[in-house]
Amino acid sequence: MTNSTGTKAALETVRASIRQLDVIHERDGVKVTHIGLEPGEEVPWHRHSQVTDTFYAVNGPLTIETKAPDGAVQLSAGDVFQTAIDQPHRVSNGTNKTVRFLLVQGGGAFDFLPVEP
């Protein structure tokens, strides 16, 4: 998965604000990342023009907010949720403990396009 210059800059900003973000697999158009969000941490509003995000909660609750349609889901351990291509979304931890999840991305060229809240 090739990242554009804008995507690289946006991802560097996200990585700097999250204590744990480890890419554990990246090959053949699929990327798997293990992310741990500390209390109050978030992956800010963004969208992807060609890939879907599939979230697998390791523990929770993990909050995923979406636009178009507007909504929010809370995932507990073992829950799965997928965002559509071009669907703005934000991932956050509103608890007082670390929340962990696996993020599987695929379907096309990877990008990370920030979206205003």
PDB file of N, CA and C in Angstrom:
ATOM      1  N   MET A   1       0.852  -1.169   0.000  1.00  0.00           N
ATOM      2  CA  MET A   1       0.000   0.000   0.000  1.00  0.00           C
ATOM      3  C   MET A   1       0.898   1.232   0.000  1.00  0.00           C
ATOM      4  N   THR A   2       0.793   2.014  -1.011  1.00  0.00           N
ATOM      5  CA  THR A   2       1.614   3.210  -1.123  1.00  0.00           C
ATOM      6  C   THR A   2       0.874   4.396  -0.521  1.00  0.00           C
ATOM      7  N   ASN A   3       1.567   5.184   0.281  1.00  0.00           N
ATOM      8  CA  ASN A   3       0.971   6.356   0.907  1.00  0.00           C
ATOM      9  C   ASN A   3       1.376   7.610   0.156  1.00  0.00           C
ATOM     10  N   SER A   4       0.436   8.523  -0.077  1.00  0.00           N
ATOM     11  CA  SER A   4       0.752   9.810  -0.682  1.00  0.00           C
ATOM     12  C   SER A   4       1.482  10.671   0.345  1.00  0.00           C
ATOM     13  N   THR A   5       2.093  11.759  -0.106  1.00  0.00           N
ATOM     14  CA  THR A   5       2.793  12.672   0.801  1.00  0.00           C
ATOM     15  C   THR A   5       1.832  13.231   1.838  1.00  0.00           C
ATOM     16  N   GLY A   6       0.634  13.627   1.426  1.00  0.00           N
ATOM     17  CA  GLY A   6      -0.362  14.156   2.361  1.00  0.00           C
ATOM     18  C   GLY A   6      -0.783  13.113   3.382  1.00  0.00           C
ATOM     19  N   THR A   7      -0.942  11.870   2.935  1.00  0.00           N
ATOM     20  CA  THR A   7      -1.299  10.792   3.843  1.00  0.00           C
ATOM     21  C   THR A   7      -0.180  10.548   4.843  1.00  0.00           C
ATOM     22  N   LYS A   8       1.064  10.569   4.383  1.00  0.00           N
ATOM     23  CA  LYS A   8       2.191  10.361   5.299  1.00  0.00           C
ATOM     24  C   LYS A   8       2.214  11.426   6.387  1.00  0.00           C
ATOM     25  N   ALA A   9       2.014  12.682   6.017  1.00  0.00           N
ATOM     26  CA  ALA A   9       2.012  13.774   6.990  1.00  0.00           C
ATOM     27  C   ALA A   9       0.863  13.614   7.990  1.00  0.00           C
ATOM     28  N   ALA A  10      -0.322  13.273   7.502  1.00  0.00           N
ATOM     29  CA  ALA A  10      -1.477  13.097   8.379  1.00  0.00           C
ATOM     30  C   ALA A  10      -1.250  11.928   9.334  1.00  0.00           C
ATOM     31  N   LEU A  11      -0.686  10.838   8.837  1.00  0.00           N
ATOM     32  CA  LEU A  11      -0.431   9.677   9.686  1.00  0.00           C
ATOM     33  C   LEU A  11       0.632   9.966  10.738  1.00  0.00           C
ATOM     34  N   GLU A  12       1.628  10.746  10.393  1.00  0.00           N
ATOM     35  CA  GLU A  12       2.648  11.112  11.374  1.00  0.00           C
ATOM     36  C   GLU A  12       2.023  11.896  12.522  1.00  0.00           C
ATOM     37  N   THR A  13       1.076  12.759  12.218  1.00  0.00           N
ATOM     38  CA  THR A  13       0.374  13.526  13.256  1.00  0.00           C
ATOM     39  C   THR A  13      -0.415  12.584  14.157  1.00  0.00           C
ATOM     40  N   VAL A  14      -1.124  11.619  13.562  1.00  0.00           N
ATOM     41  CA  VAL A  14      -1.906  10.658  14.342  1.00  0.00           C
ATOM     42  C   VAL A  14      -0.972   9.813  15.203  1.00  0.00           C
ATOM     43  N   ARG A  15       0.097   9.294  14.607  1.00  0.00           N
ATOM     44  CA  ARG A  15       1.031   8.448  15.360  1.00  0.00           C
ATOM     45  C   ARG A  15       1.638   9.191  16.539  1.00  0.00           C
ATOM     46  N   ALA A  16       1.878  10.484  16.379  1.00  0.00           N
ATOM     47  CA  ALA A  16       2.467  11.276  17.463  1.00  0.00           C
ATOM     48  C   ALA A  16       1.505  11.441  18.634  1.00  0.00           C
ATOM     49  N   SER A  17       0.204  11.309  18.388  1.00  0.00           N
ATOM     50  CA  SER A  17      -0.776  11.519  19.454  1.00  0.00           C
ATOM     51  C   SER A  17      -1.285  10.219  20.075  1.00  0.00           C
ATOM     52  N   ILE A  18      -0.838   9.075  19.549  1.00  0.00           N
ATOM     53  CA  ILE A  18      -1.278   7.775  20.058  1.00  0.00           C
ATOM     54  C   ILE A  18      -0.057   7.003  20.544  1.00  0.00           C
ATOM     55  N   ARG A  19      -0.133   6.521  21.754  1.00  0.00           N
ATOM     56  CA  ARG A  19       1.007   5.830  22.348  1.00  0.00           C
ATOM     57  C   ARG A  19       1.325   4.506  21.649  1.00  0.00           C
ATOM     58  N   GLN A  20       0.310   3.751  21.245  1.00  0.00           N
ATOM     59  CA  GLN A  20       0.573   2.442  20.631  1.00  0.00           C
ATOM     60  C   GLN A  20      -0.122   2.323  19.286  1.00  0.00           C
ATOM     61  N   LEU A  21       0.672   2.214  18.238  1.00  0.00           N
ATOM     62  CA  LEU A  21       0.172   2.008  16.886  1.00  0.00           C
ATOM     63  C   LEU A  21       1.233   1.188  16.154  1.00  0.00           C
ATOM     64  N   ASP A  22       0.980  -0.113  15.991  1.00  0.00           N
ATOM     65  CA  ASP A  22       1.952  -1.033  15.407  1.00  0.00           C
ATOM     66  C   ASP A  22       1.368  -1.716  14.179  1.00  0.00           C
ATOM     67  N   VAL A  23       1.966  -1.488  13.012  1.00  0.00           N
ATOM     68  CA  VAL A  23       1.564  -2.213  11.804  1.00  0.00           C
ATOM     69  C   VAL A  23       2.128  -3.624  11.948  1.00  0.00           C
ATOM     70  N   ILE A  24       1.238  -4.623  11.928  1.00  0.00           N
ATOM     71  CA  ILE A  24       1.701  -5.999  12.107  1.00  0.00           C
ATOM     72  C   ILE A  24       1.684  -6.804  10.812  1.00  0.00           C
ATOM     73  N   HIS A  25       1.046  -6.268   9.776  1.00  0.00           N
ATOM     74  CA  HIS A  25       1.050  -6.931   8.465  1.00  0.00           C
ATOM     75  C   HIS A  25       0.722  -5.891   7.399  1.00  0.00           C
ATOM     76  N   GLU A  26       1.477  -5.901   6.323  1.00  0.00           N
ATOM     77  CA  GLU A  26       1.184  -5.002   5.198  1.00  0.00           C
ATOM     78  C   GLU A  26       1.685  -5.667   3.931  1.00  0.00           C
ATOM     79  N   ARG A  27       0.725  -6.222   3.147  1.00  0.00           N
ATOM     80  CA  ARG A  27       1.096  -6.922   1.933  1.00  0.00           C
ATOM     81  C   ARG A  27      -0.128  -7.146   1.060  1.00  0.00           C
ATOM     82  N   ASP A  28       0.089  -7.131  -0.236  1.00  0.00           N
ATOM     83  CA  ASP A  28      -0.968  -7.448  -1.205  1.00  0.00           C
ATOM     84  C   ASP A  28      -2.239  -6.638  -0.982  1.00  0.00           C
ATOM     85  N   GLY A  29      -2.085  -5.339  -0.693  1.00  0.00           N
ATOM     86  CA  GLY A  29      -3.249  -4.472  -0.560  1.00  0.00           C
ATOM     87  C   GLY A  29      -3.999  -4.601   0.748  1.00  0.00           C
ATOM     88  N   VAL A  30      -3.416  -5.283   1.736  1.00  0.00           N
ATOM     89  CA  VAL A  30      -4.054  -5.422   3.041  1.00  0.00           C
ATOM     90  C   VAL A  30      -3.083  -4.939   4.108  1.00  0.00           C
ATOM     91  N   LYS A  31      -3.613  -4.171   5.039  1.00  0.00           N
ATOM     92  CA  LYS A  31      -2.806  -3.656   6.146  1.00  0.00           C
ATOM     93  C   LYS A  31      -3.526  -3.981   7.452  1.00  0.00           C
ATOM     94  N   VAL A  32      -2.790  -4.574   8.407  1.00  0.00           N
ATOM     95  CA  VAL A  32      -3.341  -4.898   9.720  1.00  0.00           C
ATOM     96  C   VAL A  32      -2.527  -4.134  10.760  1.00  0.00           C
ATOM     97  N   THR A  33      -3.215  -3.352  11.588  1.00  0.00           N
ATOM     98  CA  THR A  33      -2.566  -2.530  12.596  1.00  0.00           C
ATOM     99  C   THR A  33      -3.165  -2.823  13.962  1.00  0.00           C
ATOM    100  N   HIS A  34      -2.300  -2.959  14.958  1.00  0.00           N
ATOM    101  CA  HIS A  34      -2.745  -3.098  16.348  1.00  0.00           C
ATOM    102  C   HIS A  34      -2.637  -1.716  16.980  1.00  0.00           C
ATOM    103  N   ILE A  35      -3.756  -1.221  17.511  1.00  0.00           N
ATOM    104  CA  ILE A  35      -3.793   0.119  18.085  1.00  0.00           C
ATOM    105  C   ILE A  35      -4.290   0.035  19.525  1.00  0.00           C
ATOM    106  N   GLY A  36      -3.595   0.743  20.399  1.00  0.00           N
ATOM    107  CA  GLY A  36      -4.031   0.889  21.780  1.00  0.00           C
ATOM    108  C   GLY A  36      -4.278   2.360  22.052  1.00  0.00           C
ATOM    109  N   LEU A  37      -5.485   2.687  22.432  1.00  0.00           N
ATOM    110  CA  LEU A  37      -5.826   4.073  22.763  1.00  0.00           C
ATOM    111  C   LEU A  37      -5.882   4.226  24.277  1.00  0.00           C
ATOM    112  N   GLU A  38      -5.076   5.127  24.796  1.00  0.00           N
ATOM    113  CA  GLU A  38      -5.109   5.456  26.214  1.00  0.00           C
ATOM    114  C   GLU A  38      -6.358   6.304  26.480  1.00  0.00           C
ATOM    115  N   PRO A  39      -6.757   6.456  27.755  1.00  0.00           N
ATOM    116  CA  PRO A  39      -7.921   7.296  28.056  1.00  0.00           C
ATOM    117  C   PRO A  39      -7.799   8.677  27.403  1.00  0.00           C
ATOM    118  N   GLY A  40      -8.849   9.069  26.692  1.00  0.00           N
ATOM    119  CA  GLY A  40      -8.888  10.377  26.040  1.00  0.00           C
ATOM    120  C   GLY A  40      -8.238  10.433  24.666  1.00  0.00           C
ATOM    121  N   GLU A  41      -7.518   9.380  24.265  1.00  0.00           N
ATOM    122  CA  GLU A  41      -6.891   9.397  22.939  1.00  0.00           C
ATOM    123  C   GLU A  41      -7.916   9.094  21.858  1.00  0.00           C
ATOM    124  N   GLU A  42      -7.590   9.544  20.630  1.00  0.00           N
ATOM    125  CA  GLU A  42      -8.492   9.313  19.503  1.00  0.00           C
ATOM    126  C   GLU A  42      -7.717   9.275  18.197  1.00  0.00           C
ATOM    127  N   VAL A  43      -8.328   8.641  17.218  1.00  0.00           N
ATOM    128  CA  VAL A  43      -7.916   8.775  15.822  1.00  0.00           C
ATOM    129  C   VAL A  43      -8.913   9.782  15.266  1.00  0.00           C
ATOM    130  N   PRO A  44      -8.456  10.980  14.872  1.00  0.00           N
ATOM    131  CA  PRO A  44      -9.381  12.060  14.527  1.00  0.00           C
ATOM    132  C   PRO A  44     -10.205  11.767  13.265  1.00  0.00           C
ATOM    133  N   TRP A  45     -11.194  12.613  13.042  1.00  0.00           N
ATOM    134  CA  TRP A  45     -12.074  12.480  11.882  1.00  0.00           C
ATOM    135  C   TRP A  45     -11.248  12.377  10.605  1.00  0.00           C
ATOM    136  N   HIS A  46     -11.579  11.371   9.800  1.00  0.00           N
ATOM    137  CA  HIS A  46     -10.898  11.154   8.525  1.00  0.00           C
ATOM    138  C   HIS A  46     -11.759  10.239   7.661  1.00  0.00           C
ATOM    139  N   ARG A  47     -11.304  10.051   6.434  1.00  0.00           N
ATOM    140  CA  ARG A  47     -11.954   9.105   5.517  1.00  0.00           C
ATOM    141  C   ARG A  47     -10.875   8.489   4.644  1.00  0.00           C
ATOM    142  N   HIS A  48     -11.253   7.443   3.914  1.00  0.00           N
ATOM    143  CA  HIS A  48     -10.355   6.787   2.965  1.00  0.00           C
ATOM    144  C   HIS A  48     -11.082   6.702   1.626  1.00  0.00           C
ATOM    145  N   SER A  49     -10.398   7.060   0.536  1.00  0.00           N
ATOM    146  CA  SER A  49     -11.063   7.102  -0.768  1.00  0.00           C
ATOM    147  C   SER A  49     -11.164   5.741  -1.448  1.00  0.00           C
ATOM    148  N   GLN A  50     -10.370   4.750  -1.009  1.00  0.00           N
ATOM    149  CA  GLN A  50     -10.409   3.447  -1.680  1.00  0.00           C
ATOM    150  C   GLN A  50     -10.448   2.244  -0.749  1.00  0.00           C
ATOM    151  N   VAL A  51     -10.203   2.426   0.538  1.00  0.00           N
ATOM    152  CA  VAL A  51     -10.164   1.283   1.440  1.00  0.00           C
ATOM    153  C   VAL A  51     -11.268   1.357   2.483  1.00  0.00           C
ATOM    154  N   THR A  52     -11.636   0.196   2.982  1.00  0.00           N
ATOM    155  CA  THR A  52     -12.547   0.108   4.114  1.00  0.00           C
ATOM    156  C   THR A  52     -11.723  -0.111   5.372  1.00  0.00           C
ATOM    157  N   ASP A  53     -12.270   0.295   6.497  1.00  0.00           N
ATOM    158  CA  ASP A  53     -11.681   0.013   7.798  1.00  0.00           C
ATOM    159  C   ASP A  53     -12.566  -1.016   8.482  1.00  0.00           C
ATOM    160  N   THR A  54     -11.964  -2.114   8.912  1.00  0.00           N
ATOM    161  CA  THR A  54     -12.688  -3.108   9.698  1.00  0.00           C
ATOM    162  C   THR A  54     -12.034  -3.154  11.073  1.00  0.00           C
ATOM    163  N   PHE A  55     -12.816  -2.875  12.097  1.00  0.00           N
ATOM    164  CA  PHE A  55     -12.343  -2.791  13.470  1.00  0.00           C
ATOM    165  C   PHE A  55     -12.708  -4.066  14.222  1.00  0.00           C
ATOM    166  N   TYR A  56     -11.726  -4.690  14.869  1.00  0.00           N
ATOM    167  CA  TYR A  56     -11.933  -5.856  15.716  1.00  0.00           C
ATOM    168  C   TYR A  56     -11.524  -5.455  17.135  1.00  0.00           C
ATOM    169  N   ALA A  57     -12.486  -5.317  18.022  1.00  0.00           N
ATOM    170  CA  ALA A  57     -12.192  -4.883  19.390  1.00  0.00           C
ATOM    171  C   ALA A  57     -11.533  -6.016  20.171  1.00  0.00           C
ATOM    172  N   VAL A  58     -10.387  -5.714  20.769  1.00  0.00           N
ATOM    173  CA  VAL A  58      -9.716  -6.662  21.661  1.00  0.00           C
ATOM    174  C   VAL A  58     -10.308  -6.511  23.061  1.00  0.00           C
ATOM    175  N   ASN A  59     -10.539  -5.278  23.473  1.00  0.00           N
ATOM    176  CA  ASN A  59     -11.294  -4.976  24.687  1.00  0.00           C
ATOM    177  C   ASN A  59     -12.050  -3.676  24.419  1.00  0.00           C
ATOM    178  N   GLY A  60     -12.826  -3.256  25.344  1.00  0.00           N
ATOM    179  CA  GLY A  60     -13.620  -2.065  25.076  1.00  0.00           C
ATOM    180  C   GLY A  60     -14.110  -1.443  26.356  1.00  0.00           C
ATOM    181  N   PRO A  61     -15.014  -0.501  26.220  1.00  0.00           N
ATOM    182  CA  PRO A  61     -15.675  -0.116  24.978  1.00  0.00           C
ATOM    183  C   PRO A  61     -14.835   0.845  24.133  1.00  0.00           C
ATOM    184  N   LEU A  62     -14.860   0.596  22.853  1.00  0.00           N
ATOM    185  CA  LEU A  62     -14.220   1.429  21.836  1.00  0.00           C
ATOM    186  C   LEU A  62     -15.342   2.160  21.113  1.00  0.00           C
ATOM    187  N   THR A  63     -15.226   3.469  20.953  1.00  0.00           N
ATOM    188  CA  THR A  63     -16.276   4.250  20.304  1.00  0.00           C
ATOM    189  C   THR A  63     -15.854   4.629  18.893  1.00  0.00           C
ATOM    190  N   ILE A  64     -16.736   4.342  17.929  1.00  0.00           N
ATOM    191  CA  ILE A  64     -16.520   4.727  16.535  1.00  0.00           C
ATOM    192  C   ILE A  64     -17.710   5.582  16.118  1.00  0.00           C
ATOM    193  N   GLU A  65     -17.413   6.821  15.745  1.00  0.00           N
ATOM    194  CA  GLU A  65     -18.451   7.739  15.270  1.00  0.00           C
ATOM    195  C   GLU A  65     -18.345   7.840  13.760  1.00  0.00           C
ATOM    196  N   THR A  66     -19.480   7.975  13.082  1.00  0.00           N
ATOM    197  CA  THR A  66     -19.508   8.083  11.629  1.00  0.00           C
ATOM    198  C   THR A  66     -20.375   9.257  11.193  1.00  0.00           C
ATOM    199  N   LYS A  67     -20.113   9.694   9.980  1.00  0.00           N
ATOM    200  CA  LYS A  67     -20.966  10.669   9.298  1.00  0.00           C
ATOM    201  C   LYS A  67     -21.407  10.008   7.997  1.00  0.00           C
ATOM    202  N   ALA A  68     -22.556  10.403   7.521  1.00  0.00           N
ATOM    203  CA  ALA A  68     -23.098   9.925   6.234  1.00  0.00           C
ATOM    204  C   ALA A  68     -23.186   8.405   6.178  1.00  0.00           C
ATOM    205  N   PRO A  69     -23.976   7.749   7.015  1.00  0.00           N
ATOM    206  CA  PRO A  69     -24.921   8.350   7.963  1.00  0.00           C
ATOM    207  C   PRO A  69     -24.250   8.687   9.298  1.00  0.00           C
ATOM    208  N   ASP A  70     -24.855   9.651  10.002  1.00  0.00           N
ATOM    209  CA  ASP A  70     -24.382  10.027  11.322  1.00  0.00           C
ATOM    210  C   ASP A  70     -24.740   8.926  12.307  1.00  0.00           C
ATOM    211  N   GLY A  71     -23.790   8.599  13.158  1.00  0.00           N
ATOM    212  CA  GLY A  71     -24.061   7.571  14.160  1.00  0.00           C
ATOM    213  C   GLY A  71     -22.843   7.323  15.021  1.00  0.00           C
ATOM    214  N   ALA A  72     -23.025   6.439  15.980  1.00  0.00           N
ATOM    215  CA  ALA A  72     -21.931   6.040  16.860  1.00  0.00           C
ATOM    216  C   ALA A  72     -22.199   4.617  17.322  1.00  0.00           C
ATOM    217  N   VAL A  73     -21.129   3.836  17.400  1.00  0.00           N
ATOM    218  CA  VAL A  73     -21.222   2.483  17.938  1.00  0.00           C
ATOM    219  C   VAL A  73     -20.159   2.324  19.009  1.00  0.00           C
ATOM    220  N   GLN A  74     -20.460   1.473  19.966  1.00  0.00           N
ATOM    221  CA  GLN A  74     -19.473   1.113  20.975  1.00  0.00           C
ATOM    222  C   GLN A  74     -19.207  -0.377  20.829  1.00  0.00           C
ATOM    223  N   LEU A  75     -17.924  -0.703  20.659  1.00  0.00           N
ATOM    224  CA  LEU A  75     -17.536  -2.094  20.500  1.00  0.00           C
ATOM    225  C   LEU A  75     -16.967  -2.629  21.804  1.00  0.00           C
ATOM    226  N   SER A  76     -17.376  -3.845  22.145  1.00  0.00           N
ATOM    227  CA  SER A  76     -16.807  -4.576  23.270  1.00  0.00           C
ATOM    228  C   SER A  76     -15.905  -5.661  22.716  1.00  0.00           C
ATOM    229  N   ALA A  77     -15.179  -6.338  23.580  1.00  0.00           N
ATOM    230  CA  ALA A  77     -14.261  -7.394  23.148  1.00  0.00           C
ATOM    231  C   ALA A  77     -14.963  -8.372  22.211  1.00  0.00           C
ATOM    232  N   GLY A  78     -14.357  -8.604  21.053  1.00  0.00           N
ATOM    233  CA  GLY A  78     -14.902  -9.541  20.073  1.00  0.00           C
ATOM    234  C   GLY A  78     -15.831  -8.923  19.046  1.00  0.00           C
ATOM    235  N   ASP A  79     -16.280  -7.698  19.268  1.00  0.00           N
ATOM    236  CA  ASP A  79     -17.176  -7.034  18.311  1.00  0.00           C
ATOM    237  C   ASP A  79     -16.402  -6.567  17.085  1.00  0.00           C
ATOM    238  N   VAL A  80     -17.114  -6.510  15.963  1.00  0.00           N
ATOM    239  CA  VAL A  80     -16.532  -6.094  14.687  1.00  0.00           C
ATOM    240  C   VAL A  80     -17.420  -5.009  14.086  1.00  0.00           C
ATOM    241  N   PHE A  81     -16.780  -4.011  13.455  1.00  0.00           N
ATOM    242  CA  PHE A  81     -17.513  -2.938  12.780  1.00  0.00           C
ATOM    243  C   PHE A  81     -16.709  -2.517  11.559  1.00  0.00           C
ATOM    244  N   GLN A  82     -17.408  -2.203  10.465  1.00  0.00           N
ATOM    245  CA  GLN A  82     -16.716  -1.776   9.245  1.00  0.00           C
ATOM    246  C   GLN A  82     -17.278  -0.457   8.749  1.00  0.00           C
ATOM    247  N   THR A  83     -16.366   0.442   8.346  1.00  0.00           N
ATOM    248  CA  THR A  83     -16.778   1.684   7.707  1.00  0.00           C
ATOM    249  C   THR A  83     -16.697   1.495   6.193  1.00  0.00           C
ATOM    250  N   ALA A  84     -17.526   2.227   5.479  1.00  0.00           N
ATOM    251  CA  ALA A  84     -17.538   2.157   4.018  1.00  0.00           C
ATOM    252  C   ALA A  84     -16.463   3.070   3.429  1.00  0.00           C
ATOM    253  N   ILE A  85     -16.115   2.842   2.194  1.00  0.00           N
ATOM    254  CA  ILE A  85     -15.205   3.727   1.477  1.00  0.00           C
ATOM    255  C   ILE A  85     -15.819   5.132   1.473  1.00  0.00           C
ATOM    256  N   ASP A  86     -15.010   6.139   1.737  1.00  0.00           N
ATOM    257  CA  ASP A  86     -15.395   7.557   1.769  1.00  0.00           C
ATOM    258  C   ASP A  86     -16.267   7.947   2.959  1.00  0.00           C
ATOM    259  N   GLN A  87     -16.529   7.047   3.887  1.00  0.00           N
ATOM    260  CA  GLN A  87     -17.356   7.389   5.048  1.00  0.00           C
ATOM    261  C   GLN A  87     -16.482   8.040   6.129  1.00  0.00           C
ATOM    262  N   PRO A  88     -16.735   9.303   6.460  1.00  0.00           N
ATOM    263  CA  PRO A  88     -15.977   9.952   7.531  1.00  0.00           C
ATOM    264  C   PRO A  88     -16.220   9.229   8.856  1.00  0.00           C
ATOM    265  N   HIS A  89     -15.130   9.054   9.627  1.00  0.00           N
ATOM    266  CA  HIS A  89     -15.248   8.390  10.912  1.00  0.00           C
ATOM    267  C   HIS A  89     -14.143   8.836  11.862  1.00  0.00           C
ATOM    268  N   ARG A  90     -14.405   8.607  13.136  1.00  0.00           N
ATOM    269  CA  ARG A  90     -13.469   8.939  14.208  1.00  0.00           C
ATOM    270  C   ARG A  90     -13.525   7.809  15.227  1.00  0.00           C
ATOM    271  N   VAL A  91     -12.372   7.478  15.814  1.00  0.00           N
ATOM    272  CA  VAL A  91     -12.285   6.395  16.789  1.00  0.00           C
ATOM    273  C   VAL A  91     -11.751   6.988  18.086  1.00  0.00           C
ATOM    274  N   SER A  92     -12.411   6.696  19.209  1.00  0.00           N
ATOM    275  CA  SER A  92     -11.967   7.311  20.463  1.00  0.00           C
ATOM    276  C   SER A  92     -12.140   6.376  21.655  1.00  0.00           C
ATOM    277  N   ASN A  93     -11.417   6.745  22.715  1.00  0.00           N
ATOM    278  CA  ASN A  93     -11.499   6.029  23.977  1.00  0.00           C
ATOM    279  C   ASN A  93     -11.988   7.003  25.040  1.00  0.00           C
ATOM    280  N   GLY A  94     -13.223   6.847  25.451  1.00  0.00           N
ATOM    281  CA  GLY A  94     -13.791   7.703  26.483  1.00  0.00           C
ATOM    282  C   GLY A  94     -13.774   7.052  27.857  1.00  0.00           C
ATOM    283  N   THR A  95     -12.992   5.980  28.020  1.00  0.00           N
ATOM    284  CA  THR A  95     -12.938   5.273  29.294  1.00  0.00           C
ATOM    285  C   THR A  95     -11.714   5.716  30.097  1.00  0.00           C
ATOM    286  N   ASN A  96     -11.527   5.084  31.247  1.00  0.00           N
ATOM    287  CA  ASN A  96     -10.358   5.376  32.074  1.00  0.00           C
ATOM    288  C   ASN A  96      -9.312   4.265  32.010  1.00  0.00           C
ATOM    289  N   LYS A  97      -9.399   3.429  30.956  1.00  0.00           N
ATOM    290  CA  LYS A  97      -8.421   2.356  30.773  1.00  0.00           C
ATOM    291  C   LYS A  97      -8.006   2.299  29.303  1.00  0.00           C
ATOM    292  N   THR A  98      -6.932   1.594  29.018  1.00  0.00           N
ATOM    293  CA  THR A  98      -6.471   1.437  27.638  1.00  0.00           C
ATOM    294  C   THR A  98      -7.448   0.549  26.869  1.00  0.00           C
ATOM    295  N   VAL A  99      -7.795   0.966  25.657  1.00  0.00           N
ATOM    296  CA  VAL A  99      -8.669   0.197  24.782  1.00  0.00           C
ATOM    297  C   VAL A  99      -7.840  -0.236  23.573  1.00  0.00           C
ATOM    298  N   ARG A 100      -7.924  -1.518  23.221  1.00  0.00           N
ATOM    299  CA  ARG A 100      -7.112  -2.052  22.123  1.00  0.00           C
ATOM    300  C   ARG A 100      -8.005  -2.637  21.027  1.00  0.00           C
ATOM    301  N   PHE A 101      -7.536  -2.480  19.772  1.00  0.00           N
ATOM    302  CA  PHE A 101      -8.270  -3.059  18.664  1.00  0.00           C
ATOM    303  C   PHE A 101      -7.321  -3.358  17.514  1.00  0.00           C
ATOM    304  N   LEU A 102      -7.753  -4.270  16.656  1.00  0.00           N
ATOM    305  CA  LEU A 102      -7.064  -4.543  15.408  1.00  0.00           C
ATOM    306  C   LEU A 102      -7.824  -3.826  14.313  1.00  0.00           C
ATOM    307  N   LEU A 103      -7.083  -3.187  13.424  1.00  0.00           N
ATOM    308  CA  LEU A 103      -7.667  -2.481  12.290  1.00  0.00           C
ATOM    309  C   LEU A 103      -7.185  -3.161  11.021  1.00  0.00           C
ATOM    310  N   VAL A 104      -8.125  -3.676  10.229  1.00  0.00           N
ATOM    311  CA  VAL A 104      -7.796  -4.305   8.956  1.00  0.00           C
ATOM    312  C   VAL A 104      -8.285  -3.382   7.854  1.00  0.00           C
ATOM    313  N   GLN A 105      -7.361  -3.002   6.960  1.00  0.00           N
ATOM    314  CA  GLN A 105      -7.689  -2.093   5.865  1.00  0.00           C
ATOM    315  C   GLN A 105      -7.340  -2.769   4.553  1.00  0.00           C
ATOM    316  N   GLY A 106      -8.219  -2.605   3.568  1.00  0.00           N
ATOM    317  CA  GLY A 106      -7.951  -3.189   2.267  1.00  0.00           C
ATOM    318  C   GLY A 106      -8.972  -2.767   1.238  1.00  0.00           C
ATOM    319  N   GLY A 107      -8.688  -3.140   0.013  1.00  0.00           N
ATOM    320  CA  GLY A 107      -9.615  -2.865  -1.074  1.00  0.00           C
ATOM    321  C   GLY A 107      -9.071  -1.934  -2.127  1.00  0.00           C
ATOM    322  N   GLY A 108      -7.946  -1.284  -1.864  1.00  0.00           N
ATOM    323  CA  GLY A 108      -7.386  -0.349  -2.835  1.00  0.00           C
ATOM    324  C   GLY A 108      -6.182   0.356  -2.254  1.00  0.00           C
ATOM    325  N   ALA A 109      -5.820   1.468  -2.877  1.00  0.00           N
ATOM    326  CA  ALA A 109      -4.677   2.255  -2.412  1.00  0.00           C
ATOM    327  C   ALA A 109      -5.032   2.919  -1.084  1.00  0.00           C
ATOM    328  N   PHE A 110      -4.113   2.866  -0.128  1.00  0.00           N
ATOM    329  CA  PHE A 110      -4.362   3.429   1.191  1.00  0.00           C
ATOM    330  C   PHE A 110      -4.141   4.934   1.184  1.00  0.00           C
ATOM    331  N   ASP A 111      -5.067   5.653   1.809  1.00  0.00           N
ATOM    332  CA  ASP A 111      -4.897   7.066   2.070  1.00  0.00           C
ATOM    333  C   ASP A 111      -5.563   7.413   3.382  1.00  0.00           C
ATOM    334  N   PHE A 112      -5.231   8.550   3.940  1.00  0.00           N
ATOM    335  CA  PHE A 112      -5.796   9.031   5.202  1.00  0.00           C
ATOM    336  C   PHE A 112      -6.114  10.491   4.962  1.00  0.00           C
ATOM    337  N   LEU A 113      -7.394  10.806   4.786  1.00  0.00           N
ATOM    338  CA  LEU A 113      -7.822  12.139   4.417  1.00  0.00           C
ATOM    339  C   LEU A 113      -8.564  12.790   5.581  1.00  0.00           C
ATOM    340  N   PRO A 114      -7.926  13.754   6.277  1.00  0.00           N
ATOM    341  CA  PRO A 114      -8.589  14.419   7.407  1.00  0.00           C
ATOM    342  C   PRO A 114      -9.896  15.069   6.979  1.00  0.00           C
ATOM    343  N   VAL A 115     -10.864  15.053   7.913  1.00  0.00           N
ATOM    344  CA  VAL A 115     -12.195  15.619   7.686  1.00  0.00           C
ATOM    345  C   VAL A 115     -12.490  16.546   8.866  1.00  0.00           C
ATOM    346  N   GLU A 116     -13.090  17.686   8.593  1.00  0.00           N
ATOM    347  CA  GLU A 116     -13.493  18.596   9.666  1.00  0.00           C
ATOM    348  C   GLU A 116     -14.608  17.940  10.485  1.00  0.00           C
ATOM    349  N   PRO A 117     -14.590  18.128  11.815  1.00  0.00           N
ATOM    350  CA  PRO A 117     -15.637  17.522  12.668  1.00  0.00           C
ATOM    351  C   PRO A 117     -17.027  18.046  12.375  1.00  0.00           C
TER     352      PRO A 117
END
